[in-house]
């Protein structure tokens, strides 16, 4: 009975996570990766519910499925996203290759009964050994390869470390189980028994749901706090200079780009020029030329300037009581070092000093 509750809880958390994801107006790279992970968890859970418990005699369909080879790569993709690196198709293919190979062998395992009867034990040992290696190697790689302490989003860091711990726990459970299976002569005993992996899946599904819920709450709070308010939308944009612009750039792209910037999409930490190109359907060279002629800066410097101005508009408020790191994150900076460097370049002081100077001006006037 307990396992049915676990299946149901995983499915509910997955469905709620998908609904929350669809409700997010701005979706970060990590949130996109998490939705793929959520769909994988849902499918894995579906396989287990159907073939383990609802249809008798087909338990091997779920037990032999290579879903476990996907979770390590998802952790690595999350790491790349947190470090601001682009995930190319070649990277996805390379890290998906073990799963693809295992899936092909899995099809043979399903379609050939003699293979299952004679070599089932060896198939399970090989498959679950690859799970164990994946669940050890990927967490160790991301822990050794890079430090994410500079990431400002605490929910991202918490989720990241939770998944590392969960994969290592699974590896710690599965490796002794494999060793015991190797010395056991029972033909088709599986190395990982029972419901352990589904309890871990339930915890992971709940964490993803909590992350999406907090992301939606933060966006709603950000919208109500004025960071995206319409009253200050145009204040960050410089006076329109149409006479110096190339006519091809000025019309019809100028109004389209400025209107896009007035929506402050750049407050998303994952905002990129590629996203602007995709959203506006304007060629990248045209956008780059427009920024150089209109703002007299390249795209990245302009976006960072607009973000800093957004930070300053919050710092000068009398009732400002937000943590500086949280403010930086809400204004588009995912890295503490990047935020303080850009702020100092723009204002020649720290955020606290900027606020103190402003308050001193008000007091003296």
Protein backbone atom coordinates (compact mmCIF):
# COMPACT_ATOMS: atom_id res chain seq x y z
CA UNK A 1 0.00 0.00 0.00
CA UNK A 2 2.85 2.38 0.84
CA UNK A 3 4.35 2.09 -2.63
CA UNK A 4 1.08 3.22 -4.22
CA UNK A 5 1.15 6.35 -2.05
CA UNK A 6 4.73 6.99 -3.18
CA UNK A 7 3.77 6.61 -6.85
CA UNK A 8 0.81 8.96 -6.38
CA UNK A 9 2.86 11.55 -4.50
CA UNK A 10 5.58 11.59 -7.17
CA UNK A 11 2.98 12.03 -9.92
CA UNK A 12 1.24 14.85 -8.02
CA UNK A 13 4.50 16.73 -7.39
CA UNK A 14 5.52 16.29 -11.04
CA UNK A 15 2.18 17.57 -12.38
CA UNK A 16 2.20 20.54 -9.99
CA UNK A 17 5.78 21.35 -10.99
CA UNK A 18 4.79 21.37 -14.67
CA UNK A 19 1.88 23.70 -13.89
CA UNK A 20 4.13 26.06 -11.92
CA UNK A 21 6.71 26.04 -14.72
CA UNK A 22 4.05 27.01 -17.25
CA UNK A 23 2.97 29.86 -14.94
CA UNK A 24 6.45 31.40 -14.78
CA UNK A 25 6.59 34.49 -17.04
CA UNK A 26 10.39 34.30 -17.24
CA UNK A 27 12.07 30.92 -17.33
CA UNK A 28 15.75 30.52 -16.44
CA UNK A 29 18.06 27.92 -17.90
CA UNK A 30 17.98 25.88 -14.70
CA UNK A 31 14.18 25.90 -14.70
CA UNK A 32 14.17 24.54 -18.25
CA UNK A 33 16.53 21.73 -17.26
CA UNK A 34 14.42 20.94 -14.21
CA UNK A 35 11.28 20.59 -16.33
CA UNK A 36 13.03 17.95 -18.46
CA UNK A 37 14.10 16.21 -15.26
CA UNK A 38 10.52 16.41 -13.98
CA UNK A 39 9.21 14.76 -17.16
CA UNK A 40 11.85 12.02 -16.81
CA UNK A 41 10.83 11.41 -13.20
CA UNK A 42 7.18 11.26 -14.25
CA UNK A 43 7.90 8.71 -16.99
CA UNK A 44 10.14 6.64 -14.68
CA UNK A 45 7.43 6.68 -12.02
CA UNK A 46 4.81 5.68 -14.61
CA UNK A 47 6.92 2.71 -15.70
CA UNK A 48 7.29 1.57 -12.10
CA UNK A 49 3.60 1.90 -11.26
CA UNK A 50 2.40 0.09 -14.39
CA UNK A 51 4.94 -2.70 -14.77
CA UNK A 52 5.92 -3.35 -11.15
CA UNK A 53 2.56 -3.31 -9.42
CA UNK A 54 -0.43 -2.86 -11.74
CA UNK A 55 0.41 -5.48 -14.39
CA UNK A 56 1.74 -8.75 -13.02
CA UNK A 57 4.54 -10.58 -14.78
CA UNK A 58 6.16 -7.52 -16.37
CA UNK A 59 8.33 -6.26 -13.52
CA UNK A 60 11.44 -6.68 -15.67
CA UNK A 61 10.19 -3.91 -18.01
CA UNK A 62 10.72 -1.33 -15.27
CA UNK A 63 13.65 -2.96 -13.47
CA UNK A 64 15.65 -3.20 -16.69
CA UNK A 65 14.89 0.34 -17.91
CA UNK A 66 18.01 2.58 -18.11
CA UNK A 67 16.43 5.75 -16.66
CA UNK A 68 19.12 5.89 -13.98
CA UNK A 69 21.71 6.90 -16.59
CA UNK A 70 19.93 10.23 -17.16
CA UNK A 71 20.14 11.66 -13.64
CA UNK A 72 23.91 12.21 -13.57
CA UNK A 73 23.88 14.19 -16.84
CA UNK A 74 20.99 16.33 -15.56
CA UNK A 75 23.16 17.27 -12.58
CA UNK A 76 25.98 18.23 -14.93
CA UNK A 77 23.68 20.32 -17.13
CA UNK A 78 22.50 22.12 -14.00
CA UNK A 79 26.10 22.81 -13.05
CA UNK A 80 26.85 24.26 -16.50
CA UNK A 81 23.77 26.47 -16.28
CA UNK A 82 24.71 27.77 -12.83
CA UNK A 83 28.17 28.65 -14.17
CA UNK A 84 26.59 30.53 -17.07
CA UNK A 85 27.88 28.14 -19.73
CA UNK A 86 25.95 27.26 -22.85
CA UNK A 87 24.84 23.64 -23.23
CA UNK A 88 25.56 22.65 -26.83
CA UNK A 89 23.99 19.70 -28.62
CA UNK A 90 27.36 18.00 -28.72
CA UNK A 91 27.53 18.10 -24.91
CA UNK A 92 24.02 16.66 -24.64
CA UNK A 93 24.81 13.88 -27.12
CA UNK A 94 28.09 12.99 -25.41
CA UNK A 95 26.52 12.69 -21.97
CA UNK A 96 23.45 10.91 -23.33
CA UNK A 97 25.52 8.28 -25.14
CA UNK A 98 25.59 5.77 -22.23
CA UNK A 99 21.81 6.01 -21.99
CA UNK A 100 21.41 5.56 -25.76
CA UNK A 101 23.63 2.45 -25.77
CA UNK A 102 21.84 1.04 -22.72
CA UNK A 103 18.45 1.75 -24.33
CA UNK A 104 19.42 -0.27 -27.42
CA UNK A 105 20.51 -3.21 -25.24
CA UNK A 106 17.30 -2.77 -23.24
CA UNK A 107 15.23 -3.24 -26.42
CA UNK A 108 17.04 -6.53 -27.04
CA UNK A 109 16.42 -7.47 -23.40
CA UNK A 110 12.68 -6.84 -23.83
CA UNK A 111 12.25 -8.53 -27.18
CA UNK A 112 14.26 -11.73 -26.58
CA UNK A 113 13.01 -13.97 -23.78
CA UNK A 114 15.98 -16.42 -23.98
CA UNK A 115 18.32 -13.47 -23.44
CA UNK A 116 16.38 -12.46 -20.31
CA UNK A 117 16.36 -15.98 -18.91
CA UNK A 118 20.00 -16.83 -19.60
CA UNK A 119 21.70 -13.47 -19.18
CA UNK A 120 19.26 -11.50 -17.03
CA UNK A 121 21.53 -11.45 -13.99
CA UNK A 122 24.50 -10.17 -15.99
CA UNK A 123 22.33 -7.54 -17.67
CA UNK A 124 21.10 -6.26 -14.32
CA UNK A 125 24.58 -6.22 -12.81
CA UNK A 126 26.00 -4.37 -15.82
CA UNK A 127 23.12 -1.88 -15.90
CA UNK A 128 23.12 -1.12 -12.19
CA UNK A 129 26.93 -0.95 -12.11
CA UNK A 130 26.70 1.79 -14.74
CA UNK A 131 24.09 3.52 -12.56
CA UNK A 132 26.45 3.40 -9.58
CA UNK A 133 29.39 4.74 -11.58
CA UNK A 134 27.26 7.54 -13.02
CA UNK A 135 25.91 8.50 -9.59
CA UNK A 136 29.46 8.70 -8.21
CA UNK A 137 31.32 10.24 -11.14
CA UNK A 138 28.95 13.12 -11.92
CA UNK A 139 28.68 14.47 -8.35
CA UNK A 140 32.46 14.21 -7.91
CA UNK A 141 33.11 15.92 -11.25
CA UNK A 142 30.88 18.91 -10.50
CA UNK A 143 32.26 19.19 -6.95
CA UNK A 144 35.88 19.11 -8.13
CA UNK A 145 35.46 21.02 -11.39
CA UNK A 146 33.99 24.24 -10.10
CA UNK A 147 32.94 26.31 -7.13
CA UNK A 148 29.41 27.73 -7.23
CA UNK A 149 29.72 29.70 -3.99
CA UNK A 150 29.57 32.88 -6.06
CA UNK A 151 26.01 32.08 -7.21
CA UNK A 152 23.58 34.43 -5.46
CA UNK A 153 20.40 32.36 -5.71
CA UNK A 154 20.26 30.35 -2.48
CA UNK A 155 17.43 28.12 -3.73
CA UNK A 156 19.53 27.14 -6.75
CA UNK A 157 22.52 26.26 -4.58
CA UNK A 158 20.39 24.32 -2.11
CA UNK A 159 18.75 22.28 -4.88
CA UNK A 160 22.13 21.68 -6.53
CA UNK A 161 23.72 20.30 -3.37
CA UNK A 162 20.65 18.25 -2.45
CA UNK A 163 20.81 16.42 -5.77
CA UNK A 164 24.53 15.76 -5.32
CA UNK A 165 23.85 14.23 -1.90
CA UNK A 166 20.94 12.13 -3.20
CA UNK A 167 22.98 10.67 -6.07
CA UNK A 168 25.84 9.83 -3.70
CA UNK A 169 23.39 8.15 -1.29
CA UNK A 170 22.02 6.04 -4.14
CA UNK A 171 25.55 5.11 -5.19
CA UNK A 172 26.42 4.15 -1.61
CA UNK A 173 23.39 1.85 -1.54
CA UNK A 174 23.73 0.30 -4.97
CA UNK A 175 27.44 -0.62 -4.96
CA UNK A 176 27.29 -3.00 -1.95
CA UNK A 177 24.08 -4.42 -3.43
CA UNK A 178 25.89 -5.16 -6.70
CA UNK A 179 28.72 -6.87 -4.84
CA UNK A 180 26.27 -9.11 -2.98
CA UNK A 181 24.54 -9.97 -6.26
CA UNK A 182 27.84 -11.03 -7.85
CA UNK A 183 28.43 -13.65 -5.18
CA UNK A 184 24.81 -14.84 -5.23
CA UNK A 185 23.98 -17.62 -7.67
CA UNK A 186 20.30 -16.70 -7.90
CA UNK A 187 19.79 -16.20 -11.61
CA UNK A 188 17.77 -13.05 -12.00
CA UNK A 189 18.16 -11.19 -8.74
CA UNK A 190 18.30 -7.42 -9.28
CA UNK A 191 21.06 -5.42 -7.57
CA UNK A 192 18.73 -2.71 -6.25
CA UNK A 193 15.58 -4.01 -4.66
CA UNK A 194 12.46 -2.55 -3.17
CA UNK A 195 11.39 1.05 -3.12
CA UNK A 196 14.56 2.94 -2.15
CA UNK A 197 15.00 4.64 -5.50
CA UNK A 198 11.35 5.73 -5.56
CA UNK A 199 11.63 7.32 -2.12
CA UNK A 200 14.63 9.28 -3.46
CA UNK A 201 12.58 10.20 -6.54
CA UNK A 202 9.80 11.44 -4.26
CA UNK A 203 12.22 13.65 -2.34
CA UNK A 204 13.66 14.99 -5.61
CA UNK A 205 10.19 15.70 -7.03
CA UNK A 206 9.23 17.56 -3.85
CA UNK A 207 12.41 19.67 -4.01
CA UNK A 208 11.76 20.60 -7.64
CA UNK A 209 8.18 21.57 -6.80
CA UNK A 210 9.40 23.71 -3.89
CA UNK A 211 11.95 25.42 -6.15
CA UNK A 212 9.33 26.28 -8.78
CA UNK A 213 6.96 27.52 -6.08
CA UNK A 214 9.61 29.82 -4.61
CA UNK A 215 10.56 31.06 -8.10
CA UNK A 216 6.95 31.99 -8.84
CA UNK A 217 6.56 33.70 -5.46
CA UNK A 218 9.74 35.72 -6.05
CA UNK A 219 8.59 36.81 -9.47
CA UNK A 220 5.21 37.90 -8.12
CA UNK A 221 6.93 39.78 -5.29
CA UNK A 222 9.32 41.39 -7.76
CA UNK A 223 6.41 42.52 -9.90
CA UNK A 224 4.54 44.02 -6.95
CA UNK A 225 7.62 45.68 -5.45
CA UNK A 226 8.12 47.92 -8.45
CA UNK A 227 11.11 46.31 -10.07
CA UNK A 228 8.97 45.76 -13.13
CA UNK A 229 6.60 48.60 -12.53
CA UNK A 230 5.37 50.68 -15.43
CA UNK A 231 6.09 53.99 -13.69
CA UNK A 232 9.83 53.61 -14.08
CA UNK A 233 9.95 51.64 -17.31
CA UNK A 234 11.20 54.39 -19.56
CA UNK A 235 13.46 56.10 -17.04
CA UNK A 236 16.39 53.79 -17.76
CA UNK A 237 16.39 54.39 -21.49
CA UNK A 238 18.37 57.32 -22.89
CA UNK A 239 16.71 60.06 -24.96
CA UNK A 240 15.92 58.77 -28.41
CA UNK A 241 18.57 59.73 -30.92
CA UNK A 242 17.15 59.00 -34.32
CA UNK A 243 19.26 61.30 -36.42
CA UNK A 244 22.51 59.35 -35.97
CA UNK A 245 21.05 55.93 -36.57
CA UNK A 246 21.37 53.99 -39.76
CA UNK A 247 17.90 54.12 -41.40
CA UNK A 248 17.94 50.34 -41.74
CA UNK A 249 18.39 50.08 -37.97
CA UNK A 250 16.06 52.92 -37.02
CA UNK A 251 13.02 51.66 -38.87
CA UNK A 252 11.24 49.49 -37.92
CA UNK A 253 13.59 47.94 -35.36
CA UNK A 254 14.21 50.85 -32.98
CA UNK A 255 10.74 51.01 -31.47
CA UNK A 256 10.59 47.23 -31.28
CA UNK A 257 13.90 46.93 -29.40
CA UNK A 258 13.15 49.85 -27.05
CA UNK A 259 9.70 48.50 -26.27
CA UNK A 260 11.30 45.14 -25.50
CA UNK A 261 13.81 46.77 -23.14
CA UNK A 262 11.05 48.73 -21.41
CA UNK A 263 9.58 45.39 -20.33
CA UNK A 264 12.86 44.83 -18.46
CA UNK A 265 13.32 41.27 -19.62
CA UNK A 266 17.02 41.76 -18.82
CA UNK A 267 16.20 41.43 -15.11
CA UNK A 268 16.20 37.68 -15.71
CA UNK A 269 19.73 36.48 -14.74
CA UNK A 270 19.69 34.13 -17.76
CA UNK A 271 18.95 36.90 -20.26
CA UNK A 272 21.21 36.77 -23.35
CA UNK A 273 21.51 38.42 -26.74
CA UNK A 274 20.48 35.12 -28.31
CA UNK A 275 17.24 35.26 -26.36
CA UNK A 276 16.60 38.80 -27.60
CA UNK A 277 17.22 37.68 -31.17
CA UNK A 278 14.78 34.80 -30.71
CA UNK A 279 12.10 36.92 -28.98
CA UNK A 280 12.25 39.85 -31.40
CA UNK A 281 13.06 37.83 -34.55
CA UNK A 282 15.61 40.49 -35.47
CA UNK A 283 19.02 39.47 -36.88
CA UNK A 284 21.82 39.58 -34.32
CA UNK A 285 24.02 42.00 -36.35
CA UNK A 286 21.14 44.50 -36.47
CA UNK A 287 20.68 44.35 -32.69
CA UNK A 288 24.42 44.73 -32.08
CA UNK A 289 24.61 47.72 -34.44
CA UNK A 290 21.58 49.33 -32.83
CA UNK A 291 23.09 49.14 -29.34
CA UNK A 292 26.39 50.58 -30.53
CA UNK A 293 24.72 53.52 -32.28
CA UNK A 294 21.90 54.21 -29.83
CA UNK A 295 23.51 53.49 -26.46
CA UNK A 296 27.14 53.99 -27.52
CA UNK A 297 27.97 50.68 -25.81
CA UNK A 298 27.90 47.02 -26.72
CA UNK A 299 24.91 44.90 -25.72
CA UNK A 300 26.44 43.37 -22.58
CA UNK A 301 27.63 46.68 -21.15
CA UNK A 302 24.27 48.29 -21.87
CA UNK A 303 22.34 45.49 -20.19
CA UNK A 304 24.60 45.64 -17.13
CA UNK A 305 24.17 49.43 -16.99
CA UNK A 306 20.39 49.07 -17.07
CA UNK A 307 20.58 46.47 -14.33
CA UNK A 308 22.76 48.72 -12.16
CA UNK A 309 20.31 51.59 -12.65
CA UNK A 310 17.53 49.28 -11.52
CA UNK A 311 19.55 48.45 -8.41
CA UNK A 312 20.10 52.15 -7.73
CA UNK A 313 16.40 52.92 -8.10
CA UNK A 314 15.77 50.47 -5.26
CA UNK A 315 18.69 51.62 -3.10
CA UNK A 316 17.43 55.21 -2.94
CA UNK A 317 14.03 54.23 -1.57
CA UNK A 318 13.48 55.27 2.04
CA UNK A 319 11.93 51.96 3.02
CA UNK A 320 14.64 49.84 1.37
CA UNK A 321 15.44 46.88 3.64
CA UNK A 322 16.40 44.13 1.19
CA UNK A 323 19.59 42.10 1.32
CA UNK A 324 22.04 43.47 -1.29
CA UNK A 325 22.72 40.04 -2.76
CA UNK A 326 19.00 39.36 -3.11
CA UNK A 327 18.51 42.75 -4.80
CA UNK A 328 21.35 42.00 -7.22
CA UNK A 329 19.77 38.67 -8.13
CA UNK A 330 16.37 40.24 -8.72
CA UNK A 331 17.96 42.84 -10.96
CA UNK A 332 19.60 40.26 -13.21
CA UNK A 333 22.98 39.45 -11.64
CA UNK A 334 23.52 35.78 -10.84
CA UNK A 335 27.12 36.33 -9.72
CA UNK A 336 28.18 38.36 -6.69
CA UNK A 337 31.57 39.19 -8.23
CA UNK A 338 29.99 40.38 -11.49
CA UNK A 339 27.49 42.56 -9.63
CA UNK A 340 30.01 44.35 -7.42
CA UNK A 341 32.46 44.79 -10.30
CA UNK A 342 29.84 46.34 -12.57
CA UNK A 343 28.41 48.51 -9.79
CA UNK A 344 31.85 49.87 -8.91
CA UNK A 345 32.60 50.55 -12.59
CA UNK A 346 29.35 52.47 -13.01
CA UNK A 347 29.16 54.34 -9.70
CA UNK A 348 32.76 54.24 -8.38
CA UNK A 349 31.51 53.05 -5.00
CA UNK A 350 29.83 50.10 -3.33
CA UNK A 351 26.02 49.73 -3.14
CA UNK A 352 26.02 50.56 0.59
CA UNK A 353 28.17 53.65 0.00
CA UNK A 354 25.83 54.72 -2.81
CA UNK A 355 22.81 54.50 -0.52
CA UNK A 356 24.62 56.34 2.29
CA UNK A 357 25.60 59.16 -0.10
CA UNK A 358 22.01 59.47 -1.28
CA UNK A 359 20.66 59.56 2.28
CA UNK A 360 23.27 62.16 3.21
CA UNK A 361 22.14 64.35 0.29
CA UNK A 362 18.53 64.12 1.43
CA UNK A 363 19.50 64.98 5.02
CA UNK A 364 21.53 68.02 3.96
CA UNK A 365 18.91 69.39 1.59
